[in-house]
Amino acid sequence: MTTIAYKEGVIAADTAVHDGDTYAGQCDKIWTMSNGWLGGAAGCMGDCSAFARWFLSKCDGDPPNFAEDDSEALVIRDRGNIEWIGGKGRRAFYRPEHCAIGSGFPVAAGAMAAGASAIEAVKVAARLNAFTQEPIMWFSHSGERGKIDGV
């Protein structure tokens, strides 16, 4: 699956793709728009692709219905206002201090609660979660971006 973390205006994610237990390459799992919106998706590759198309079309209309129950996504329209999208059309809006999704979310959430940034949290998840691997990419609401290779 993946790990996506958001804290203090920054979204970060690993780039590994797995087919079952097999590493299958890399892809982008987070995106940004010129207006500063941030988005990310974890789970089935087809669901993530559908989310990316919807997100990059400025979230026009309703989000896609995910085929897989464990697929999920985040839209952060401005600092701290988060829309969570899950399987079967489930949606929730909330304002957490920080959040994470994907298979490494417990590790990333714990790291952020202990003071780690979103980027540091995904690095920790890459060390501890079997389906989270570097490189890590990140975006901020202010337009900054980057990619980090290696532990």
N, C-alpha and C. Protein backbone atom coordinates (compact mmCIF):
# COMPACT_ATOMS: atom_id res chain seq x y z
N MET A 1 0.85 -1.17 0.00
CA MET A 1 0.00 0.00 0.00
C MET A 1 0.89 1.23 0.00
N THR A 2 0.89 2.03 1.04
CA THR A 2 1.68 3.26 1.05
C THR A 2 1.59 3.94 2.40
N THR A 3 2.29 5.05 2.53
CA THR A 3 2.11 5.94 3.67
C THR A 3 2.05 7.37 3.15
N ILE A 4 0.98 8.06 3.53
CA ILE A 4 0.83 9.48 3.22
C ILE A 4 0.60 10.18 4.55
N ALA A 5 1.35 11.26 4.79
CA ALA A 5 1.24 12.01 6.04
C ALA A 5 1.07 13.49 5.73
N TYR A 6 0.30 14.17 6.58
CA TYR A 6 0.10 15.62 6.45
C TYR A 6 0.26 16.27 7.82
N LYS A 7 1.06 17.33 7.86
CA LYS A 7 1.23 18.10 9.09
C LYS A 7 1.78 19.47 8.74
N GLU A 8 1.23 20.50 9.37
CA GLU A 8 1.73 21.87 9.28
C GLU A 8 1.94 22.32 7.84
N GLY A 9 0.96 22.04 6.97
CA GLY A 9 0.99 22.54 5.61
C GLY A 9 1.81 21.72 4.63
N VAL A 10 2.29 20.55 5.04
CA VAL A 10 3.11 19.70 4.16
C VAL A 10 2.49 18.31 4.07
N ILE A 11 2.39 17.80 2.83
CA ILE A 11 1.96 16.43 2.60
C ILE A 11 3.18 15.67 2.07
N ALA A 12 3.38 14.45 2.55
CA ALA A 12 4.52 13.63 2.13
C ALA A 12 4.04 12.20 1.89
N ALA A 13 4.71 11.50 0.97
CA ALA A 13 4.34 10.12 0.67
C ALA A 13 5.54 9.35 0.16
N ASP A 14 5.49 8.05 0.39
CA ASP A 14 6.48 7.19 -0.25
C ASP A 14 6.06 7.01 -1.72
N THR A 15 6.87 6.32 -2.50
CA THR A 15 6.60 6.16 -3.93
C THR A 15 6.53 4.71 -4.37
N ALA A 16 6.60 3.76 -3.45
CA ALA A 16 6.64 2.33 -3.82
C ALA A 16 5.28 1.81 -4.27
N VAL A 17 5.31 0.94 -5.27
CA VAL A 17 4.12 0.24 -5.75
C VAL A 17 4.33 -1.24 -5.50
N HIS A 18 3.31 -1.89 -4.94
CA HIS A 18 3.37 -3.33 -4.67
C HIS A 18 2.20 -4.02 -5.34
N ASP A 19 2.45 -5.21 -5.84
CA ASP A 19 1.40 -6.09 -6.33
C ASP A 19 1.39 -7.28 -5.38
N GLY A 20 0.47 -7.27 -4.44
CA GLY A 20 0.51 -8.26 -3.37
C GLY A 20 1.76 -8.03 -2.54
N ASP A 21 2.57 -9.05 -2.39
CA ASP A 21 3.81 -8.94 -1.62
C ASP A 21 5.02 -8.57 -2.47
N THR A 22 4.81 -8.29 -3.76
CA THR A 22 5.92 -8.05 -4.67
C THR A 22 6.08 -6.57 -4.98
N TYR A 23 7.30 -6.05 -4.84
CA TYR A 23 7.60 -4.67 -5.22
C TYR A 23 7.51 -4.58 -6.74
N ALA A 24 6.75 -3.58 -7.24
CA ALA A 24 6.49 -3.47 -8.68
C ALA A 24 6.94 -2.15 -9.29
N GLY A 25 7.61 -1.27 -8.54
CA GLY A 25 8.10 -0.01 -9.11
C GLY A 25 7.70 1.18 -8.25
N GLN A 26 7.66 2.34 -8.91
CA GLN A 26 7.38 3.59 -8.21
C GLN A 26 6.30 4.39 -8.96
N CYS A 27 5.58 5.21 -8.21
CA CYS A 27 4.63 6.13 -8.82
C CYS A 27 4.39 7.30 -7.86
N ASP A 28 3.79 8.35 -8.39
CA ASP A 28 3.39 9.49 -7.56
C ASP A 28 2.09 9.13 -6.85
N LYS A 29 2.00 9.49 -5.58
CA LYS A 29 0.80 9.22 -4.78
C LYS A 29 0.20 10.48 -4.20
N ILE A 30 0.91 11.61 -4.38
CA ILE A 30 0.42 12.90 -3.91
C ILE A 30 0.53 13.90 -5.05
N TRP A 31 -0.35 14.93 -4.99
CA TRP A 31 -0.39 15.93 -6.04
C TRP A 31 -0.70 17.28 -5.42
N THR A 32 -0.40 18.34 -6.16
CA THR A 32 -0.71 19.69 -5.72
C THR A 32 -1.26 20.48 -6.91
N MET A 33 -1.99 21.53 -6.59
CA MET A 33 -2.52 22.42 -7.63
C MET A 33 -1.96 23.82 -7.40
N SER A 34 -2.03 24.64 -8.41
CA SER A 34 -1.48 26.00 -8.31
C SER A 34 -2.16 26.82 -7.23
N ASN A 35 -3.38 26.47 -6.83
CA ASN A 35 -4.07 27.20 -5.76
C ASN A 35 -3.65 26.75 -4.36
N GLY A 36 -2.71 25.80 -4.28
CA GLY A 36 -2.19 25.34 -2.99
C GLY A 36 -2.88 24.12 -2.43
N TRP A 37 -3.93 23.63 -3.09
CA TRP A 37 -4.59 22.42 -2.62
C TRP A 37 -3.62 21.24 -2.71
N LEU A 38 -3.71 20.33 -1.75
CA LEU A 38 -2.88 19.14 -1.70
C LEU A 38 -3.79 17.91 -1.70
N GLY A 39 -3.36 16.85 -2.35
CA GLY A 39 -4.14 15.62 -2.36
C GLY A 39 -3.24 14.41 -2.41
N GLY A 40 -3.77 13.29 -1.94
CA GLY A 40 -3.01 12.05 -1.99
C GLY A 40 -3.94 10.86 -1.90
N ALA A 41 -3.51 9.73 -2.48
CA ALA A 41 -4.33 8.52 -2.48
C ALA A 41 -3.48 7.30 -2.19
N ALA A 42 -4.09 6.35 -1.46
CA ALA A 42 -3.43 5.10 -1.10
C ALA A 42 -4.39 3.96 -1.39
N GLY A 43 -3.83 2.83 -1.80
CA GLY A 43 -4.66 1.65 -2.05
C GLY A 43 -4.51 1.13 -3.46
N CYS A 44 -5.60 0.64 -4.01
CA CYS A 44 -5.62 0.07 -5.35
C CYS A 44 -5.15 1.10 -6.39
N MET A 45 -4.24 0.69 -7.26
CA MET A 45 -3.67 1.60 -8.25
C MET A 45 -4.75 2.23 -9.13
N GLY A 46 -5.77 1.46 -9.54
CA GLY A 46 -6.85 2.01 -10.36
C GLY A 46 -7.64 3.07 -9.61
N ASP A 47 -7.91 2.83 -8.32
CA ASP A 47 -8.62 3.82 -7.50
C ASP A 47 -7.78 5.08 -7.34
N CYS A 48 -6.48 4.91 -7.12
CA CYS A 48 -5.59 6.06 -6.96
C CYS A 48 -5.52 6.88 -8.24
N SER A 49 -5.49 6.22 -9.38
CA SER A 49 -5.47 6.93 -10.67
C SER A 49 -6.76 7.71 -10.89
N ALA A 50 -7.90 7.10 -10.55
CA ALA A 50 -9.18 7.79 -10.68
C ALA A 50 -9.22 9.01 -9.77
N PHE A 51 -8.70 8.88 -8.54
CA PHE A 51 -8.65 10.01 -7.63
C PHE A 51 -7.76 11.11 -8.19
N ALA A 52 -6.60 10.76 -8.71
CA ALA A 52 -5.67 11.76 -9.25
C ALA A 52 -6.33 12.56 -10.37
N ARG A 53 -7.03 11.88 -11.29
CA ARG A 53 -7.72 12.59 -12.38
C ARG A 53 -8.77 13.55 -11.83
N TRP A 54 -9.56 13.09 -10.85
CA TRP A 54 -10.58 13.94 -10.25
C TRP A 54 -9.94 15.12 -9.52
N PHE A 55 -8.93 14.86 -8.72
CA PHE A 55 -8.27 15.92 -7.96
C PHE A 55 -7.67 16.96 -8.89
N LEU A 56 -6.94 16.51 -9.91
CA LEU A 56 -6.28 17.45 -10.83
C LEU A 56 -7.25 18.18 -11.74
N SER A 57 -8.52 17.74 -11.77
CA SER A 57 -9.56 18.48 -12.48
C SER A 57 -10.24 19.47 -11.53
N LYS A 58 -9.54 19.82 -10.46
CA LYS A 58 -10.00 20.76 -9.44
C LYS A 58 -11.20 20.23 -8.67
N CYS A 59 -11.22 18.90 -8.49
CA CYS A 59 -12.27 18.23 -7.69
C CYS A 59 -13.65 18.55 -8.23
N ASP A 60 -13.76 18.56 -9.55
CA ASP A 60 -15.02 18.86 -10.22
C ASP A 60 -16.00 17.70 -10.04
N GLY A 61 -17.16 17.96 -9.47
CA GLY A 61 -18.14 16.92 -9.21
C GLY A 61 -17.79 16.10 -7.99
N ASP A 62 -18.49 14.98 -7.83
CA ASP A 62 -18.23 14.10 -6.70
C ASP A 62 -16.94 13.31 -6.91
N PRO A 63 -16.24 12.94 -5.82
CA PRO A 63 -15.03 12.12 -5.98
C PRO A 63 -15.39 10.76 -6.53
N PRO A 64 -14.42 10.05 -7.09
CA PRO A 64 -14.70 8.72 -7.62
C PRO A 64 -15.10 7.75 -6.51
N ASN A 65 -15.95 6.80 -6.86
CA ASN A 65 -16.25 5.70 -5.94
C ASN A 65 -15.15 4.67 -6.09
N PHE A 66 -14.46 4.37 -5.02
CA PHE A 66 -13.36 3.41 -5.07
C PHE A 66 -13.90 2.00 -5.19
N ALA A 67 -13.25 1.20 -6.03
CA ALA A 67 -13.65 -0.20 -6.22
C ALA A 67 -13.24 -1.05 -5.02
N GLU A 68 -12.14 -0.68 -4.40
CA GLU A 68 -11.61 -1.45 -3.27
C GLU A 68 -11.93 -0.75 -1.95
N ASP A 69 -12.34 -1.51 -0.97
CA ASP A 69 -12.73 -0.96 0.33
C ASP A 69 -11.56 -0.32 1.07
N ASP A 70 -10.32 -0.81 0.85
CA ASP A 70 -9.20 -0.26 1.60
C ASP A 70 -8.53 0.92 0.91
N SER A 71 -9.02 1.34 -0.26
CA SER A 71 -8.49 2.55 -0.90
C SER A 71 -9.01 3.76 -0.15
N GLU A 72 -8.16 4.79 -0.04
CA GLU A 72 -8.55 6.01 0.65
C GLU A 72 -7.73 7.18 0.11
N ALA A 73 -8.23 8.39 0.34
CA ALA A 73 -7.56 9.58 -0.19
C ALA A 73 -7.81 10.76 0.73
N LEU A 74 -6.99 11.78 0.54
CA LEU A 74 -7.11 13.03 1.28
C LEU A 74 -7.13 14.20 0.30
N VAL A 75 -7.95 15.19 0.61
CA VAL A 75 -7.91 16.49 -0.07
C VAL A 75 -7.75 17.53 1.02
N ILE A 76 -6.70 18.36 0.91
CA ILE A 76 -6.47 19.43 1.88
C ILE A 76 -6.56 20.73 1.10
N ARG A 77 -7.71 21.40 1.23
CA ARG A 77 -7.97 22.61 0.45
C ARG A 77 -7.25 23.83 1.03
N ASP A 78 -7.15 23.88 2.30
CA ASP A 78 -6.34 24.91 2.96
C ASP A 78 -5.79 24.32 4.23
N ARG A 79 -4.92 25.03 4.87
CA ARG A 79 -4.19 24.48 6.00
C ARG A 79 -5.12 23.89 7.06
N GLY A 80 -5.07 22.56 7.17
CA GLY A 80 -5.77 21.88 8.24
C GLY A 80 -7.18 21.41 7.96
N ASN A 81 -7.83 21.92 6.90
CA ASN A 81 -9.17 21.46 6.56
C ASN A 81 -9.06 20.27 5.63
N ILE A 82 -9.39 19.10 6.15
CA ILE A 82 -9.13 17.85 5.42
C ILE A 82 -10.42 17.15 5.08
N GLU A 83 -10.49 16.66 3.84
CA GLU A 83 -11.56 15.78 3.41
C GLU A 83 -10.96 14.40 3.22
N TRP A 84 -11.48 13.42 3.93
CA TRP A 84 -11.06 12.03 3.77
C TRP A 84 -12.08 11.34 2.89
N ILE A 85 -11.61 10.58 1.92
CA ILE A 85 -12.47 9.85 1.00
C ILE A 85 -12.10 8.37 1.10
N GLY A 86 -13.09 7.52 1.32
CA GLY A 86 -12.85 6.09 1.45
C GLY A 86 -13.70 5.29 0.48
N GLY A 87 -13.58 3.97 0.58
CA GLY A 87 -14.36 3.08 -0.27
C GLY A 87 -15.85 3.23 -0.05
N LYS A 88 -16.63 2.79 -1.03
CA LYS A 88 -18.10 2.84 -0.98
C LYS A 88 -18.64 4.24 -0.82
N GLY A 89 -17.93 5.24 -1.34
CA GLY A 89 -18.40 6.62 -1.32
C GLY A 89 -18.37 7.30 0.04
N ARG A 90 -17.67 6.70 1.01
CA ARG A 90 -17.59 7.31 2.34
C ARG A 90 -16.74 8.58 2.28
N ARG A 91 -17.17 9.61 3.01
CA ARG A 91 -16.44 10.87 3.08
C ARG A 91 -16.55 11.43 4.49
N ALA A 92 -15.51 12.12 4.90
CA ALA A 92 -15.53 12.80 6.20
C ALA A 92 -14.72 14.08 6.08
N PHE A 93 -15.14 15.12 6.78
CA PHE A 93 -14.44 16.40 6.82
C PHE A 93 -14.02 16.65 8.26
N TYR A 94 -12.76 17.01 8.46
CA TYR A 94 -12.29 17.24 9.82
C TYR A 94 -11.06 18.14 9.83
N ARG A 95 -10.65 18.56 11.03
CA ARG A 95 -9.50 19.46 11.21
C ARG A 95 -8.55 18.87 12.25
N PRO A 96 -7.79 17.84 11.88
CA PRO A 96 -6.85 17.26 12.85
C PRO A 96 -5.57 18.07 12.96
N GLU A 97 -4.83 17.84 14.02
CA GLU A 97 -3.50 18.45 14.16
C GLU A 97 -2.56 17.91 13.09
N HIS A 98 -2.72 16.64 12.79
CA HIS A 98 -1.96 15.96 11.74
C HIS A 98 -2.74 14.73 11.35
N CYS A 99 -2.44 14.13 10.20
CA CYS A 99 -3.13 12.90 9.83
C CYS A 99 -2.24 12.07 8.91
N ALA A 100 -2.60 10.81 8.78
CA ALA A 100 -1.89 9.89 7.90
C ALA A 100 -2.88 8.85 7.39
N ILE A 101 -2.60 8.30 6.21
CA ILE A 101 -3.39 7.21 5.65
C ILE A 101 -2.45 6.17 5.06
N GLY A 102 -3.00 5.01 4.73
CA GLY A 102 -2.23 3.95 4.11
C GLY A 102 -1.77 2.93 5.14
N SER A 103 -1.02 1.95 4.64
CA SER A 103 -0.59 0.85 5.51
C SER A 103 0.34 1.29 6.62
N GLY A 104 1.07 2.37 6.42
CA GLY A 104 2.00 2.86 7.43
C GLY A 104 1.44 3.95 8.31
N PHE A 105 0.11 4.17 8.24
CA PHE A 105 -0.44 5.29 9.00
C PHE A 105 -0.24 5.20 10.50
N PRO A 106 -0.30 4.01 11.15
CA PRO A 106 -0.10 4.03 12.61
C PRO A 106 1.31 4.51 13.00
N VAL A 107 2.29 4.08 12.24
CA VAL A 107 3.67 4.50 12.51
C VAL A 107 3.83 5.99 12.27
N ALA A 108 3.33 6.47 11.12
CA ALA A 108 3.46 7.89 10.78
C ALA A 108 2.70 8.77 11.77
N ALA A 109 1.48 8.36 12.15
CA ALA A 109 0.70 9.15 13.11
C ALA A 109 1.41 9.22 14.45
N GLY A 110 1.98 8.12 14.90
CA GLY A 110 2.72 8.12 16.16
C GLY A 110 3.95 8.99 16.09
N ALA A 111 4.66 8.94 14.97
CA ALA A 111 5.85 9.77 14.81
C ALA A 111 5.48 11.25 14.85
N MET A 112 4.40 11.63 14.16
CA MET A 112 3.99 13.04 14.18
C MET A 112 3.52 13.46 15.55
N ALA A 113 2.82 12.59 16.28
CA ALA A 113 2.39 12.91 17.64
C ALA A 113 3.59 13.14 18.56
N ALA A 114 4.71 12.49 18.24
CA ALA A 114 5.93 12.64 19.04
C ALA A 114 6.79 13.81 18.56
N GLY A 115 6.30 14.56 17.55
CA GLY A 115 7.00 15.76 17.12
C GLY A 115 7.61 15.72 15.73
N ALA A 116 7.52 14.60 15.03
CA ALA A 116 8.09 14.51 13.68
C ALA A 116 7.26 15.32 12.69
N SER A 117 7.93 15.81 11.66
CA SER A 117 7.23 16.45 10.55
C SER A 117 6.58 15.37 9.68
N ALA A 118 5.78 15.76 8.71
CA ALA A 118 5.18 14.79 7.79
C ALA A 118 6.27 14.02 7.04
N ILE A 119 7.30 14.70 6.60
CA ILE A 119 8.39 14.05 5.86
C ILE A 119 9.11 13.05 6.77
N GLU A 120 9.45 13.48 7.99
CA GLU A 120 10.12 12.58 8.93
C GLU A 120 9.23 11.37 9.26
N ALA A 121 7.92 11.59 9.35
CA ALA A 121 7.00 10.50 9.68
C ALA A 121 7.00 9.44 8.59
N VAL A 122 7.03 9.86 7.33
CA VAL A 122 7.07 8.88 6.24
C VAL A 122 8.42 8.17 6.21
N LYS A 123 9.49 8.88 6.56
CA LYS A 123 10.80 8.22 6.67
C LYS A 123 10.78 7.12 7.73
N VAL A 124 10.17 7.40 8.87
CA VAL A 124 10.06 6.40 9.93
C VAL A 124 9.24 5.21 9.44
N ALA A 125 8.12 5.49 8.78
CA ALA A 125 7.28 4.42 8.25
C ALA A 125 8.04 3.58 7.23
N ALA A 126 8.90 4.21 6.44
CA ALA A 126 9.70 3.46 5.45
C ALA A 126 10.66 2.49 6.12
N ARG A 127 11.07 2.79 7.34
CA ARG A 127 11.95 1.87 8.07
C ARG A 127 11.17 0.74 8.72
N LEU A 128 9.88 0.96 9.04
CA LEU A 128 9.14 -0.01 9.84
C LEU A 128 7.98 -0.71 9.13
N ASN A 129 7.46 -0.14 8.05
CA ASN A 129 6.31 -0.72 7.35
C ASN A 129 6.78 -1.39 6.07
N ALA A 130 6.42 -2.65 5.89
CA ALA A 130 6.90 -3.44 4.74
C ALA A 130 6.47 -2.87 3.40
N PHE A 131 5.38 -2.11 3.35
CA PHE A 131 4.86 -1.62 2.07
C PHE A 131 5.09 -0.13 1.87
N THR A 132 6.03 0.44 2.60
CA THR A 132 6.41 1.85 2.47
C THR A 132 7.91 1.89 2.18
N GLN A 133 8.28 2.52 1.07
CA GLN A 133 9.69 2.59 0.68
C GLN A 133 10.03 3.96 0.13
N GLU A 134 11.27 4.37 0.34
CA GLU A 134 11.77 5.59 -0.27
C GLU A 134 12.01 5.33 -1.76
N PRO A 135 12.10 6.39 -2.56
CA PRO A 135 12.14 7.80 -2.20
C PRO A 135 10.80 8.33 -1.71
N ILE A 136 10.90 9.46 -1.00
CA ILE A 136 9.74 10.16 -0.45
C ILE A 136 9.60 11.48 -1.20
N MET A 137 8.36 11.78 -1.61
CA MET A 137 8.11 13.07 -2.23
C MET A 137 7.21 13.89 -1.31
N TRP A 138 7.27 15.22 -1.46
CA TRP A 138 6.46 16.09 -0.62
C TRP A 138 6.11 17.38 -1.35
N PHE A 139 4.99 17.98 -0.91
CA PHE A 139 4.52 19.28 -1.40
C PHE A 139 4.04 20.09 -0.20
N SER A 140 4.06 21.41 -0.35
CA SER A 140 3.50 22.28 0.69
C SER A 140 2.43 23.18 0.06
N HIS A 141 1.57 23.74 0.91
CA HIS A 141 0.54 24.67 0.43
C HIS A 141 1.16 25.87 -0.26
N SER A 142 2.37 26.24 0.15
CA SER A 142 3.01 27.43 -0.42
C SER A 142 3.73 27.16 -1.74
N GLY A 143 3.68 25.93 -2.22
CA GLY A 143 4.28 25.61 -3.52
C GLY A 143 5.64 24.97 -3.48
N GLU A 144 6.19 24.81 -2.29
CA GLU A 144 7.48 24.11 -2.19
C GLU A 144 7.26 22.63 -2.47
N ARG A 145 8.30 21.97 -2.97
CA ARG A 145 8.22 20.55 -3.26
C ARG A 145 9.59 19.93 -3.22
N GLY A 146 9.62 18.62 -3.08
CA GLY A 146 10.91 17.94 -3.08
C GLY A 146 10.77 16.44 -3.12
N LYS A 147 11.92 15.79 -3.29
CA LYS A 147 12.00 14.34 -3.30
C LYS A 147 13.26 13.95 -2.55
N ILE A 148 13.13 12.98 -1.64
CA ILE A 148 14.23 12.57 -0.79
C ILE A 148 14.53 11.11 -1.03
N ASP A 149 15.77 10.80 -1.41
CA ASP A 149 16.21 9.42 -1.60
C ASP A 149 17.07 9.00 -0.43
N GLY A 150 16.95 7.74 -0.03
CA GLY A 150 17.83 7.19 0.99
C GLY A 150 17.40 7.49 2.40
N VAL A 151 17.74 6.61 3.32
CA VAL A 151 17.36 6.75 4.72
C VAL A 151 18.23 7.75 5.43
